[in-house]
């Protein structure tokens, strides 16, 4: 099971990093930071949404940031969220 810290700052940083095509920072936002009781903890929620209701995957797709799209999908972004 994956548990996110859901600290707003990391979710915001994820959205901002996707918007400016900063794959290195996207990876940092989604970095695994620990394990406990069969759970994995990461900093940001890969499916977080911005104030307009767009996910990081939607933003990356719309802006043509294909390396980020690939990374997000390979790491569990929900392709069915609308």
Protein backbone atom coordinates (compact mmCIF):
# COMPACT_ATOMS: atom_id res chain seq x y z
CA UNK A 1 0.00 0.00 0.00
CA UNK A 2 1.21 3.51 -0.82
CA UNK A 3 0.59 6.29 1.67
CA UNK A 4 1.23 9.92 0.80
CA UNK A 5 2.08 12.53 3.33
CA UNK A 6 -0.42 14.77 1.49
CA UNK A 7 1.40 17.80 2.68
CA UNK A 8 -0.05 20.55 0.55
CA UNK A 9 3.35 22.01 -0.25
CA UNK A 10 4.52 18.82 -1.98
CA UNK A 11 1.29 18.51 -3.97
CA UNK A 12 1.57 22.13 -5.10
CA UNK A 13 5.23 21.66 -5.95
CA UNK A 14 4.31 18.60 -8.05
CA UNK A 15 1.74 20.57 -10.07
CA UNK A 16 4.14 23.49 -10.54
CA UNK A 17 6.99 21.19 -11.58
CA UNK A 18 4.83 19.45 -14.15
CA UNK A 19 3.69 22.81 -15.56
CA UNK A 20 7.27 23.98 -16.17
CA UNK A 21 8.47 20.60 -17.49
CA UNK A 22 10.89 19.93 -14.61
CA UNK A 23 11.14 16.14 -14.55
CA UNK A 24 13.88 16.16 -11.91
CA UNK A 25 11.64 18.05 -9.49
CA UNK A 26 8.63 15.85 -10.33
CA UNK A 27 10.71 12.83 -9.33
CA UNK A 28 11.71 14.58 -6.10
CA UNK A 29 8.06 15.27 -5.27
CA UNK A 30 7.19 11.61 -5.76
CA UNK A 31 10.26 10.26 -3.98
CA UNK A 32 9.78 7.33 -1.62
CA UNK A 33 10.70 8.54 1.83
CA UNK A 34 10.13 5.50 3.95
CA UNK A 35 8.45 2.20 4.68
CA UNK A 36 6.46 1.05 7.70
CA UNK A 37 4.10 -1.87 8.33
CA UNK A 38 3.98 -2.91 4.66
CA UNK A 39 3.27 0.67 3.57
CA UNK A 40 5.36 2.91 1.37
CA UNK A 41 5.39 6.64 2.09
CA UNK A 42 5.85 9.23 -0.65
CA UNK A 43 5.82 13.01 -0.47
CA UNK A 44 3.06 14.01 -2.89
CA UNK A 45 -0.08 12.37 -4.23
CA UNK A 46 0.54 11.48 -7.89
CA UNK A 47 -3.16 12.06 -8.60
CA UNK A 48 -3.43 15.39 -6.81
CA UNK A 49 -5.50 18.05 -8.57
CA UNK A 50 -4.94 21.75 -9.00
CA UNK A 51 -7.49 24.50 -8.31
CA UNK A 52 -9.03 23.91 -11.76
CA UNK A 53 -9.54 20.19 -11.18
CA UNK A 54 -6.66 19.09 -13.40
CA UNK A 55 -4.27 16.32 -12.39
CA UNK A 56 -0.54 16.44 -12.97
CA UNK A 57 -1.02 13.94 -15.80
CA UNK A 58 -3.63 16.16 -17.48
CA UNK A 59 -1.35 19.18 -17.25
CA UNK A 60 1.67 17.33 -18.62
CA UNK A 61 -0.40 15.93 -21.49
CA UNK A 62 -1.92 19.30 -22.38
CA UNK A 63 1.48 20.99 -22.40
CA UNK A 64 3.19 18.25 -24.41
CA UNK A 65 5.59 17.28 -21.63
CA UNK A 66 5.86 13.71 -22.86
CA UNK A 67 8.73 12.56 -20.63
CA UNK A 68 6.71 13.61 -17.58
CA UNK A 69 3.58 11.92 -18.97
CA UNK A 70 5.56 8.70 -19.40
CA UNK A 71 7.04 8.96 -15.90
CA UNK A 72 3.65 9.66 -14.27
CA UNK A 73 1.91 6.78 -16.06
CA UNK A 74 4.75 4.35 -15.30
CA UNK A 75 4.53 5.34 -11.63
CA UNK A 76 0.81 4.87 -11.16
CA UNK A 77 -0.96 8.04 -12.27
CA UNK A 78 -4.63 7.24 -12.86
CA UNK A 79 -5.28 7.66 -16.58
CA UNK A 80 -9.04 7.48 -16.06
CA UNK A 81 -9.48 10.52 -13.82
CA UNK A 82 -11.48 13.32 -15.43
